[in-house]
């Protein structure tokens, strides 16, 4: 898979976003594990990512489709990998 862009969160250096040829991914542990963010976003090439510093929105630029906005990522900024462990 081709990774086109990687962005680090402005406040939480463990939170990374990656735009790939086949969608958007996020990591809560500085890239050790990745989750596909697919809800509401078609499987398209993500060419660029910007985190708005005031609104805390993730702006996703796709190839030939549109611009998507993941509104207010503060919940992801405060989420820790331990929350994903299933018991």
N, C-alpha and C. Protein backbone atom coordinates (compact mmCIF):
# COMPACT_ATOMS: atom_id res chain seq x y z
N UNK A 1 0.85 -1.17 0.00
CA UNK A 1 0.00 0.00 0.00
C UNK A 1 0.90 1.24 0.00
N UNK A 2 0.54 2.21 -0.79
CA UNK A 2 1.31 3.45 -0.88
C UNK A 2 0.79 4.46 0.13
N UNK A 3 1.67 4.96 0.98
CA UNK A 3 1.32 6.02 1.93
C UNK A 3 1.68 7.34 1.28
N UNK A 4 0.69 8.23 1.17
CA UNK A 4 0.90 9.50 0.50
C UNK A 4 1.23 10.63 1.47
N UNK A 5 0.69 10.58 2.69
CA UNK A 5 0.91 11.65 3.64
C UNK A 5 0.75 11.12 5.07
N UNK A 6 1.58 11.61 5.98
CA UNK A 6 1.47 11.30 7.40
C UNK A 6 1.51 12.62 8.16
N UNK A 7 0.57 12.77 9.10
CA UNK A 7 0.52 13.98 9.92
C UNK A 7 0.47 13.58 11.40
N UNK A 8 1.24 14.30 12.20
CA UNK A 8 1.24 14.12 13.65
C UNK A 8 0.27 15.12 14.26
N UNK A 9 -0.48 14.68 15.27
CA UNK A 9 -1.40 15.58 15.96
C UNK A 9 -0.64 16.75 16.58
N UNK A 10 -1.28 17.88 16.66
CA UNK A 10 -0.64 19.09 17.17
C UNK A 10 -0.37 19.03 18.68
N UNK A 11 -1.21 18.30 19.43
CA UNK A 11 -1.06 18.24 20.89
C UNK A 11 -0.58 16.88 21.40
N UNK A 12 -0.91 15.81 20.69
CA UNK A 12 -0.58 14.46 21.14
C UNK A 12 0.34 13.80 20.11
N UNK A 13 1.64 13.75 20.38
CA UNK A 13 2.57 13.18 19.39
C UNK A 13 2.39 11.69 19.14
N UNK A 14 1.63 11.00 19.99
CA UNK A 14 1.36 9.58 19.77
C UNK A 14 0.26 9.36 18.73
N UNK A 15 -0.53 10.39 18.45
CA UNK A 15 -1.63 10.28 17.50
C UNK A 15 -1.14 10.68 16.10
N UNK A 16 -1.17 9.72 15.19
CA UNK A 16 -0.74 9.95 13.81
C UNK A 16 -1.90 9.64 12.87
N UNK A 17 -1.95 10.37 11.77
CA UNK A 17 -2.91 10.11 10.71
C UNK A 17 -2.13 9.84 9.43
N UNK A 18 -2.58 8.87 8.65
CA UNK A 18 -1.91 8.54 7.39
C UNK A 18 -2.94 8.49 6.27
N UNK A 19 -2.64 9.18 5.20
CA UNK A 19 -3.45 9.09 4.00
C UNK A 19 -2.76 8.15 3.03
N UNK A 20 -3.51 7.16 2.57
CA UNK A 20 -2.93 6.15 1.69
C UNK A 20 -3.69 6.13 0.36
N UNK A 21 -3.23 5.27 -0.50
CA UNK A 21 -3.89 5.08 -1.79
C UNK A 21 -5.30 4.51 -1.61
N UNK A 22 -5.55 3.87 -0.46
CA UNK A 22 -6.83 3.22 -0.22
C UNK A 22 -7.54 3.70 1.04
N UNK A 23 -7.36 4.95 1.43
CA UNK A 23 -8.12 5.48 2.56
C UNK A 23 -7.28 6.15 3.62
N UNK A 24 -7.95 6.37 4.77
CA UNK A 24 -7.39 7.11 5.89
C UNK A 24 -7.18 6.17 7.07
N UNK A 25 -6.04 6.31 7.73
CA UNK A 25 -5.70 5.48 8.88
C UNK A 25 -5.25 6.37 10.04
N UNK A 26 -5.41 5.84 11.26
CA UNK A 26 -4.96 6.55 12.46
C UNK A 26 -4.21 5.58 13.35
N UNK A 27 -3.25 6.12 14.09
CA UNK A 27 -2.49 5.34 15.05
C UNK A 27 -2.51 6.09 16.38
N UNK A 28 -2.78 5.37 17.46
CA UNK A 28 -2.78 5.96 18.80
C UNK A 28 -1.47 5.72 19.53
N UNK A 29 -0.57 4.93 18.91
CA UNK A 29 0.68 4.56 19.58
C UNK A 29 1.91 4.85 18.73
N UNK A 30 1.89 6.00 18.11
CA UNK A 30 3.02 6.51 17.33
C UNK A 30 3.40 5.62 16.14
N UNK A 31 2.41 4.90 15.61
CA UNK A 31 2.64 4.13 14.40
C UNK A 31 2.85 2.65 14.58
N UNK A 32 2.82 2.15 15.81
CA UNK A 32 3.00 0.72 16.03
C UNK A 32 1.80 -0.08 15.50
N UNK A 33 0.60 0.48 15.64
CA UNK A 33 -0.62 -0.16 15.16
C UNK A 33 -1.47 0.89 14.46
N UNK A 34 -2.17 0.48 13.40
CA UNK A 34 -2.98 1.40 12.62
C UNK A 34 -4.41 0.92 12.51
N UNK A 35 -5.36 1.85 12.56
CA UNK A 35 -6.79 1.58 12.41
C UNK A 35 -7.30 2.32 11.18
N UNK A 36 -8.09 1.65 10.36
CA UNK A 36 -8.67 2.33 9.20
C UNK A 36 -9.88 3.13 9.64
N UNK A 37 -9.92 4.39 9.27
CA UNK A 37 -11.06 5.27 9.55
C UNK A 37 -11.93 5.29 8.30
N UNK A 38 -12.97 4.47 8.29
CA UNK A 38 -13.73 4.29 7.06
C UNK A 38 -15.16 4.77 7.14
N UNK A 39 -15.65 5.10 8.31
CA UNK A 39 -17.04 5.52 8.46
C UNK A 39 -17.29 6.84 7.73
N UNK A 40 -18.09 6.79 6.67
CA UNK A 40 -18.44 7.98 5.91
C UNK A 40 -17.42 8.41 4.87
N UNK A 41 -16.30 7.72 4.81
CA UNK A 41 -15.26 8.06 3.83
C UNK A 41 -15.11 6.90 2.87
N UNK A 42 -15.35 7.12 1.57
CA UNK A 42 -15.20 6.02 0.61
C UNK A 42 -13.73 5.60 0.50
N UNK A 43 -13.50 4.43 -0.08
CA UNK A 43 -12.14 3.96 -0.27
C UNK A 43 -11.52 4.69 -1.45
N UNK A 44 -10.94 5.85 -1.16
CA UNK A 44 -10.32 6.69 -2.17
C UNK A 44 -8.91 7.04 -1.72
N UNK A 45 -8.11 7.50 -2.66
CA UNK A 45 -6.75 7.94 -2.34
C UNK A 45 -6.83 9.25 -1.55
N UNK A 46 -6.15 9.26 -0.41
CA UNK A 46 -6.06 10.47 0.41
C UNK A 46 -4.72 11.12 0.13
N UNK A 47 -4.79 12.31 -0.48
CA UNK A 47 -3.57 12.99 -0.93
C UNK A 47 -2.98 13.95 0.09
N UNK A 48 -3.82 14.52 0.97
CA UNK A 48 -3.30 15.48 1.93
C UNK A 48 -4.18 15.52 3.17
N UNK A 49 -3.57 15.88 4.30
CA UNK A 49 -4.25 15.99 5.59
C UNK A 49 -3.80 17.27 6.27
N UNK A 50 -4.75 17.96 6.89
CA UNK A 50 -4.43 19.15 7.66
C UNK A 50 -5.26 19.12 8.93
N UNK A 51 -4.63 19.41 10.07
CA UNK A 51 -5.36 19.54 11.32
C UNK A 51 -5.53 21.03 11.59
N UNK A 52 -6.79 21.46 11.66
CA UNK A 52 -7.06 22.88 11.91
C UNK A 52 -6.71 23.18 13.37
N UNK A 53 -5.81 24.13 13.62
CA UNK A 53 -5.31 24.35 14.98
C UNK A 53 -6.35 24.87 15.97
N UNK A 54 -7.34 25.62 15.51
CA UNK A 54 -8.34 26.17 16.43
C UNK A 54 -9.55 25.24 16.58
N UNK A 55 -10.06 24.75 15.47
CA UNK A 55 -11.28 23.95 15.48
C UNK A 55 -11.04 22.48 15.80
N UNK A 56 -9.78 22.04 15.70
CA UNK A 56 -9.40 20.65 15.95
C UNK A 56 -10.09 19.69 14.97
N UNK A 57 -10.30 20.14 13.75
CA UNK A 57 -10.87 19.31 12.70
C UNK A 57 -9.75 18.73 11.84
N UNK A 58 -9.93 17.50 11.39
CA UNK A 58 -9.00 16.89 10.45
C UNK A 58 -9.60 17.06 9.05
N UNK A 59 -8.92 17.81 8.22
CA UNK A 59 -9.38 18.05 6.85
C UNK A 59 -8.64 17.07 5.94
N UNK A 60 -9.42 16.30 5.18
CA UNK A 60 -8.90 15.21 4.36
C UNK A 60 -9.11 15.56 2.89
N UNK A 61 -8.03 15.72 2.15
CA UNK A 61 -8.10 15.97 0.72
C UNK A 61 -7.94 14.68 -0.05
N UNK A 62 -8.95 14.34 -0.87
CA UNK A 62 -8.90 13.08 -1.61
C UNK A 62 -8.65 13.35 -3.09
N UNK A 63 -8.28 12.31 -3.78
CA UNK A 63 -7.97 12.42 -5.20
C UNK A 63 -9.25 12.29 -6.03
N UNK A 64 -9.69 13.40 -6.59
CA UNK A 64 -10.81 13.37 -7.52
C UNK A 64 -12.18 13.23 -6.90
N UNK A 65 -12.29 13.16 -5.60
CA UNK A 65 -13.59 12.99 -4.96
C UNK A 65 -14.06 14.28 -4.29
N UNK A 66 -13.30 14.73 -3.31
CA UNK A 66 -13.76 15.88 -2.55
C UNK A 66 -12.82 16.15 -1.39
N UNK A 67 -13.31 17.00 -0.51
CA UNK A 67 -12.65 17.26 0.76
C UNK A 67 -13.60 16.76 1.84
N UNK A 68 -13.08 16.00 2.78
CA UNK A 68 -13.87 15.53 3.91
C UNK A 68 -13.32 16.16 5.17
N UNK A 69 -14.19 16.38 6.15
CA UNK A 69 -13.77 16.96 7.42
C UNK A 69 -14.20 16.03 8.55
N UNK A 70 -13.22 15.56 9.31
CA UNK A 70 -13.49 14.81 10.51
C UNK A 70 -13.58 15.84 11.63
N UNK A 71 -14.81 16.09 12.05
CA UNK A 71 -15.11 17.19 12.96
C UNK A 71 -14.61 16.91 14.38
N UNK A 72 -13.81 17.82 14.90
CA UNK A 72 -13.36 17.82 16.30
C UNK A 72 -12.72 16.50 16.73
N UNK A 73 -11.42 16.39 16.53
CA UNK A 73 -10.69 15.16 16.84
C UNK A 73 -10.19 15.11 18.28
N UNK A 74 -10.69 15.98 19.15
CA UNK A 74 -10.19 15.99 20.53
C UNK A 74 -10.42 14.66 21.24
N UNK A 75 -11.49 13.93 20.91
CA UNK A 75 -11.70 12.61 21.52
C UNK A 75 -10.56 11.66 21.16
N UNK A 76 -10.10 11.70 19.91
CA UNK A 76 -8.97 10.87 19.50
C UNK A 76 -7.68 11.33 20.18
N UNK A 77 -7.54 12.63 20.39
CA UNK A 77 -6.34 13.15 21.03
C UNK A 77 -6.20 12.65 22.47
N UNK A 78 -7.32 12.39 23.13
CA UNK A 78 -7.29 11.95 24.53
C UNK A 78 -7.42 10.43 24.69
N UNK A 79 -7.70 9.73 23.59
CA UNK A 79 -7.86 8.28 23.63
C UNK A 79 -6.50 7.62 23.74
N UNK A 80 -6.41 6.58 24.52
CA UNK A 80 -5.15 5.85 24.71
C UNK A 80 -5.29 4.43 24.15
N UNK A 81 -4.21 3.83 23.69
CA UNK A 81 -4.27 2.48 23.12
C UNK A 81 -4.88 1.45 24.07
N UNK A 82 -4.73 1.62 25.38
CA UNK A 82 -5.28 0.66 26.33
C UNK A 82 -6.80 0.56 26.21
N UNK A 83 -7.44 1.60 25.73
CA UNK A 83 -8.91 1.59 25.57
C UNK A 83 -9.34 0.62 24.49
N UNK A 84 -8.43 0.22 23.59
CA UNK A 84 -8.76 -0.69 22.51
C UNK A 84 -8.61 -2.16 22.88
N UNK A 85 -8.02 -2.45 24.01
CA UNK A 85 -7.78 -3.83 24.42
C UNK A 85 -9.10 -4.46 24.81
N UNK A 86 -9.41 -5.59 24.17
CA UNK A 86 -10.65 -6.32 24.49
C UNK A 86 -10.36 -7.37 25.55
N UNK A 87 -11.23 -7.44 26.47
CA UNK A 87 -11.05 -8.41 27.57
C UNK A 87 -11.97 -9.58 27.37
